[in-house]
Structures are given as C-alpha cells and as structure tokens.
C-alpha atoms as a PDB file:
ATOM      1  CA  UNK A   1      30.799  -9.265 -17.832  1.00  0.00           C
ATOM      2  CA  UNK A   2      29.566  -7.057 -14.965  1.00  0.00           C
ATOM      3  CA  UNK A   3      25.993  -5.802 -14.956  1.00  0.00           C
ATOM      4  CA  UNK A   4      26.291  -2.070 -15.634  1.00  0.00           C
ATOM      5  CA  UNK A   5      23.306   0.266 -15.545  1.00  0.00           C
ATOM      6  CA  UNK A   6      23.435   3.013 -18.179  1.00  0.00           C
ATOM      7  CA  UNK A   7      23.897   6.520 -16.748  1.00  0.00           C
ATOM      8  CA  UNK A   8      20.454   7.739 -17.891  1.00  0.00           C
ATOM      9  CA  UNK A   9      18.752   4.856 -16.040  1.00  0.00           C
ATOM     10  CA  UNK A  10      20.826   5.375 -12.888  1.00  0.00           C
ATOM     11  CA  UNK A  11      19.819   9.042 -12.804  1.00  0.00           C
ATOM     12  CA  UNK A  12      16.146   8.013 -12.543  1.00  0.00           C
ATOM     13  CA  UNK A  13      16.758   5.287  -9.972  1.00  0.00           C
ATOM     14  CA  UNK A  14      18.007   7.560  -7.181  1.00  0.00           C
ATOM     15  CA  UNK A  15      14.947   9.869  -7.074  1.00  0.00           C
ATOM     16  CA  UNK A  16      12.621   6.877  -7.368  1.00  0.00           C
ATOM     17  CA  UNK A  17      14.218   5.016  -4.459  1.00  0.00           C
ATOM     18  CA  UNK A  18      14.553   8.131  -2.313  1.00  0.00           C
ATOM     19  CA  UNK A  19      10.905   9.082  -2.826  1.00  0.00           C
ATOM     20  CA  UNK A  20       9.625   5.553  -2.241  1.00  0.00           C
ATOM     21  CA  UNK A  21      11.672   5.282   0.964  1.00  0.00           C
ATOM     22  CA  UNK A  22      10.253   8.571   2.281  1.00  0.00           C
ATOM     23  CA  UNK A  23       6.690   7.581   1.352  1.00  0.00           C
ATOM     24  CA  UNK A  24       7.148   4.177   2.990  1.00  0.00           C
ATOM     25  CA  UNK A  25       8.051   5.937   6.251  1.00  0.00           C
ATOM     26  CA  UNK A  26       5.075   8.306   5.878  1.00  0.00           C
ATOM     27  CA  UNK A  27       2.657   5.416   5.323  1.00  0.00           C
ATOM     28  CA  UNK A  28       4.281   3.482   8.166  1.00  0.00           C
ATOM     29  CA  UNK A  29       3.699   6.392  10.567  1.00  0.00           C
ATOM     30  CA  UNK A  30       0.047   6.581   9.511  1.00  0.00           C
ATOM     31  CA  UNK A  31      -0.681   2.851   9.732  1.00  0.00           C
ATOM     32  CA  UNK A  32       1.128   2.598  13.081  1.00  0.00           C
ATOM     33  CA  UNK A  33      -1.097   5.389  14.424  1.00  0.00           C
ATOM     34  CA  UNK A  34      -4.166   3.460  13.232  1.00  0.00           C
ATOM     35  CA  UNK A  35      -2.903   0.266  14.822  1.00  0.00           C
ATOM     36  CA  UNK A  36      -2.411   2.031  18.145  1.00  0.00           C
ATOM     37  CA  UNK A  37      -5.741   3.903  17.919  1.00  0.00           C
ATOM     38  CA  UNK A  38      -7.979   0.874  17.232  1.00  0.00           C
ATOM     39  CA  UNK A  39      -8.386  -2.488  18.909  1.00  0.00           C
ATOM     40  CA  UNK A  40      -7.720  -4.993  16.120  1.00  0.00           C
ATOM     41  CA  UNK A  41      -7.984  -7.844  18.619  1.00  0.00           C
ATOM     42  CA  UNK A  42      -5.757 -10.517  20.096  1.00  0.00           C
ATOM     43  CA  UNK A  43      -3.219 -11.975  17.709  1.00  0.00           C
ATOM     44  CA  UNK A  44      -3.469  -9.026  15.327  1.00  0.00           C
ATOM     45  CA  UNK A  45      -0.446  -7.438  13.741  1.00  0.00           C
ATOM     46  CA  UNK A  46       0.743  -4.737  11.394  1.00  0.00           C
ATOM     47  CA  UNK A  47       3.236  -5.779   8.728  1.00  0.00           C
ATOM     48  CA  UNK A  48       4.814  -2.985   6.658  1.00  0.00           C
ATOM     49  CA  UNK A  49       6.800  -4.133   3.639  1.00  0.00           C
ATOM     50  CA  UNK A  50       8.474  -2.828   0.544  1.00  0.00           C
ATOM     51  CA  UNK A  51       8.279  -5.274  -2.357  1.00  0.00           C
ATOM     52  CA  UNK A  52       9.861  -5.458  -5.778  1.00  0.00           C
ATOM     53  CA  UNK A  53       7.975  -7.732  -8.139  1.00  0.00           C
ATOM     54  CA  UNK A  54       8.268  -8.538 -11.821  1.00  0.00           C
ATOM     55  CA  UNK A  55       5.012  -8.189 -13.777  1.00  0.00           C
ATOM     56  CA  UNK A  56       4.297  -8.589 -17.504  1.00  0.00           C
ATOM     57  CA  UNK A  57       4.092  -4.776 -17.801  1.00  0.00           C
ATOM     58  CA  UNK A  58       7.478  -4.323 -16.065  1.00  0.00           C
ATOM     59  CA  UNK A  59       9.039  -4.224 -12.610  1.00  0.00           C
ATOM     60  CA  UNK A  60       6.939  -2.858  -9.768  1.00  0.00           C
ATOM     61  CA  UNK A  61       8.049  -1.250  -6.523  1.00  0.00           C
ATOM     62  CA  UNK A  62       5.197  -1.428  -3.993  1.00  0.00           C
ATOM     63  CA  UNK A  63       4.629  -0.270  -0.422  1.00  0.00           C
ATOM     64  CA  UNK A  64       2.366  -2.697   1.444  1.00  0.00           C
ATOM     65  CA  UNK A  65       1.100  -2.087   4.956  1.00  0.00           C
ATOM     66  CA  UNK A  66      -1.081  -4.998   6.070  1.00  0.00           C
ATOM     67  CA  UNK A  67      -3.175  -5.300   9.203  1.00  0.00           C
ATOM     68  CA  UNK A  68      -3.779  -8.979   9.991  1.00  0.00           C
ATOM     69  CA  UNK A  69      -6.597  -9.820  12.388  1.00  0.00           C
ATOM     70  CA  UNK A  70      -8.926 -12.613  13.419  1.00  0.00           C
ATOM     71  CA  UNK A  71     -12.690 -12.556  13.678  1.00  0.00           C
ATOM     72  CA  UNK A  72     -14.024 -13.720  17.014  1.00  0.00           C
ATOM     73  CA  UNK A  73     -14.226 -17.506  16.994  1.00  0.00           C
ATOM     74  CA  UNK A  74     -12.571 -17.781  13.562  1.00  0.00           C
ATOM     75  CA  UNK A  75      -9.105 -19.239  13.007  1.00  0.00           C
ATOM     76  CA  UNK A  76      -8.654 -17.662   9.560  1.00  0.00           C
ATOM     77  CA  UNK A  77      -6.760 -14.400   9.149  1.00  0.00           C
ATOM     78  CA  UNK A  78      -8.395 -11.381   7.540  1.00  0.00           C
ATOM     79  CA  UNK A  79      -6.362  -8.478   6.164  1.00  0.00           C
ATOM     80  CA  UNK A  80      -6.730  -4.752   5.726  1.00  0.00           C
ATOM     81  CA  UNK A  81      -4.167  -3.450   3.214  1.00  0.00           C
ATOM     82  CA  UNK A  82      -2.881   0.033   2.409  1.00  0.00           C
ATOM     83  CA  UNK A  83      -0.727  -0.157  -0.753  1.00  0.00           C
ATOM     84  CA  UNK A  84       0.960   2.254  -3.137  1.00  0.00           C
ATOM     85  CA  UNK A  85       3.420   1.585  -5.898  1.00  0.00           C
ATOM     86  CA  UNK A  86       5.008   2.390  -9.189  1.00  0.00           C
ATOM     87  CA  UNK A  87       5.413   0.095 -12.180  1.00  0.00           C
ATOM     88  CA  UNK A  88       8.111   0.811 -14.750  1.00  0.00           C
ATOM     89  CA  UNK A  89       6.716   0.080 -18.216  1.00  0.00           C
ATOM     90  CA  UNK A  90       8.178   0.662 -21.678  1.00  0.00           C
ATOM     91  CA  UNK A  91       5.627   3.483 -22.139  1.00  0.00           C
ATOM     92  CA  UNK A  92       6.437   5.201 -18.823  1.00  0.00           C
ATOM     93  CA  UNK A  93       5.664   4.929 -15.129  1.00  0.00           C
ATOM     94  CA  UNK A  94       2.285   3.792 -13.790  1.00  0.00           C
ATOM     95  CA  UNK A  95       1.377   4.636 -10.191  1.00  0.00           C
ATOM     96  CA  UNK A  96      -1.369   3.031  -8.159  1.00  0.00           C
ATOM     97  CA  UNK A  97      -2.747   3.332  -4.636  1.00  0.00           C
ATOM     98  CA  UNK A  98      -5.213   0.889  -3.097  1.00  0.00           C
ATOM     99  CA  UNK A  99      -6.968   0.300   0.197  1.00  0.00           C
ATOM    100  CA  UNK A 100      -8.652  -3.065   0.298  1.00  0.00           C
ATOM    101  CA  UNK A 101      -9.824  -5.600   2.817  1.00  0.00           C
ATOM    102  CA  UNK A 102      -9.980  -9.383   2.590  1.00  0.00           C
ATOM    103  CA  UNK A 103     -12.511 -10.588   5.165  1.00  0.00           C
ATOM    104  CA  UNK A 104     -12.974 -14.215   6.097  1.00  0.00           C
ATOM    105  CA  UNK A 105     -16.318 -13.376   7.748  1.00  0.00           C
ATOM    106  CA  UNK A 106     -18.563 -10.276   7.517  1.00  0.00           C
ATOM    107  CA  UNK A 107     -17.303  -7.304   9.505  1.00  0.00           C
ATOM    108  CA  UNK A 108     -18.695  -3.782   9.909  1.00  0.00           C
ATOM    109  CA  UNK A 109     -20.186  -2.523   6.639  1.00  0.00           C
ATOM    110  CA  UNK A 110     -18.725  -5.392   4.592  1.00  0.00           C
ATOM    111  CA  UNK A 111     -19.518  -9.010   3.875  1.00  0.00           C
ATOM    112  CA  UNK A 112     -16.952 -11.781   3.604  1.00  0.00           C
ATOM    113  CA  UNK A 113     -14.572 -11.524   0.625  1.00  0.00           C
ATOM    114  CA  UNK A 114     -12.309  -8.910  -0.918  1.00  0.00           C
ATOM    115  CA  UNK A 115     -13.537  -5.314  -1.018  1.00  0.00           C
ATOM    116  CA  UNK A 116     -11.733  -2.380  -2.626  1.00  0.00           C
ATOM    117  CA  UNK A 117     -12.313   0.718  -0.497  1.00  0.00           C
ATOM    118  CA  UNK A 118     -10.101   3.073  -2.523  1.00  0.00           C
ATOM    119  CA  UNK A 119      -8.190   2.724  -5.788  1.00  0.00           C
ATOM    120  CA  UNK A 120      -6.457   5.134  -8.105  1.00  0.00           C
ATOM    121  CA  UNK A 121      -4.283   4.095 -11.034  1.00  0.00           C
ATOM    122  CA  UNK A 122      -2.619   6.686 -13.288  1.00  0.00           C
ATOM    123  CA  UNK A 123      -0.178   6.378 -16.138  1.00  0.00           C
ATOM    124  CA  UNK A 124       1.872   6.093 -18.099  1.00  0.00           C
ATOM    125  CA  UNK A 125       3.673   9.185 -16.819  1.00  0.00           C
ATOM    126  CA  UNK A 126       7.155  10.639 -16.871  1.00  0.00           C
ATOM    127  CA  UNK A 127       9.298   9.837 -13.843  1.00  0.00           C
ATOM    128  CA  UNK A 128       8.858  13.316 -12.380  1.00  0.00           C
ATOM    129  CA  UNK A 129       5.076  13.242 -12.844  1.00  0.00           C
ATOM    130  CA  UNK A 130       4.861   9.690 -11.482  1.00  0.00           C
ATOM    131  CA  UNK A 131       6.767  10.572  -8.313  1.00  0.00           C
ATOM    132  CA  UNK A 132       4.610  13.647  -7.773  1.00  0.00           C
ATOM    133  CA  UNK A 133       1.417  11.635  -8.305  1.00  0.00           C
ATOM    134  CA  UNK A 134       2.656   8.845  -6.010  1.00  0.00           C
ATOM    135  CA  UNK A 135       3.227  11.444  -3.272  1.00  0.00           C
ATOM    136  CA  UNK A 136      -0.358  12.649  -3.741  1.00  0.00           C
ATOM    137  CA  UNK A 137      -1.664   9.092  -3.630  1.00  0.00           C
ATOM    138  CA  UNK A 138       0.145   8.279  -0.380  1.00  0.00           C
ATOM    139  CA  UNK A 139      -1.160  11.533   1.105  1.00  0.00           C
ATOM    140  CA  UNK A 140      -4.674  10.409   0.096  1.00  0.00           C
ATOM    141  CA  UNK A 141      -4.112   6.998   1.727  1.00  0.00           C
ATOM    142  CA  UNK A 142      -3.080   8.784   4.917  1.00  0.00           C
ATOM    143  CA  UNK A 143      -6.504  10.486   5.108  1.00  0.00           C
ATOM    144  CA  UNK A 144      -8.362   7.148   5.227  1.00  0.00           C
ATOM    145  CA  UNK A 145      -8.417   7.023   9.023  1.00  0.00           C
ATOM    146  CA  UNK A 146     -12.140   6.113   9.025  1.00  0.00           C
ATOM    147  CA  UNK A 147     -11.500   2.658   7.561  1.00  0.00           C
ATOM    148  CA  UNK A 148     -11.069   0.725  10.841  1.00  0.00           C
ATOM    149  CA  UNK A 149     -14.313   2.147  12.236  1.00  0.00           C
ATOM    150  CA  UNK A 150     -16.139   1.218   8.985  1.00  0.00           C
ATOM    151  CA  UNK A 151     -14.893  -2.307   9.611  1.00  0.00           C
ATOM    152  CA  UNK A 152     -16.347  -2.219  13.127  1.00  0.00           C
ATOM    153  CA  UNK A 153     -13.117  -1.849  15.088  1.00  0.00           C
ATOM    154  CA  UNK A 154     -13.519   0.049  18.351  1.00  0.00           C
ATOM    155  CA  UNK A 155     -11.192   2.905  19.223  1.00  0.00           C
ATOM    156  CA  UNK A 156      -8.923   2.249  22.207  1.00  0.00           C
END
C-alpha cells in the first residue's frame, strides 16, 4: 500500500517547507557575512545544514549553521552554532532559536565548555503562528553580529 499523506496534512507541509527554505537562505546569508567579516583562523569552516530529526515530542525540522574553528595550539574543534527549528507535536508546533558555542579552551568572554548565548522556545502554536514566530526568531538570530567579537575573533 502506498504511503499517502492526508490532504489536510499536505496543505500544512507546503507553507512549512517554503518558509523553512527561505529562512535557511536568510540565515545562510547572515552567517556567510560573519564568516567573511571575521578571521576564524586556519582550518576553520562554515557548515550550513537543514536537518530532519525524530524526537520523542515529534519530528523536528532544524536549520543549523555551524562555524568550526581551532584554538591556537589545540587540535580539537570548537563550534559556534546558529540554529532555528520547528517541532511538530500532537499539541501543535514548537519553534526554537538558539545561538550557542562549544569551546574546547577558553576564548573571549567564555571559558571552555558549552555556553548558550541566546535561546527562545515558544509553543505549542498553530502552524500559521509558528511560521510567523520562526521568522521573527531567525530575524533575531541575524542581529547577533557581535558574537564573533565576544568570542575574541578579530575583524578582517
């Protein structure tokens, strides 16, 4: 038997995917500008991704834009992450945006370890409200251009 999605579910899928695709491009433009504007060091990289993961609460669609970099004299990779996503739960849609950093050694204002620099989680919401809130969250992520300097990265 073929896997057929009911019409009411398909109607919600198109706006969700279209919005997430547009927001992924918006976040990609922002993180690329940061990567060009700051010297993250030799061997650094920017990895944008769009992930679908299954969680106990329901499936999650998440934008992840990760800066990978090395501390001077350290072979371990540290990461700066800009993430936004939506989780589909039985009660509705939950949206979340996070900026965090996982440092192998102290850097800038932060000691070694994981530090959450920004987080907002809202829900459950209707699909329309969730998409609107996700747009606002990505816009808020795209104002966090001070983060690399707080981590001690020099502008180019």
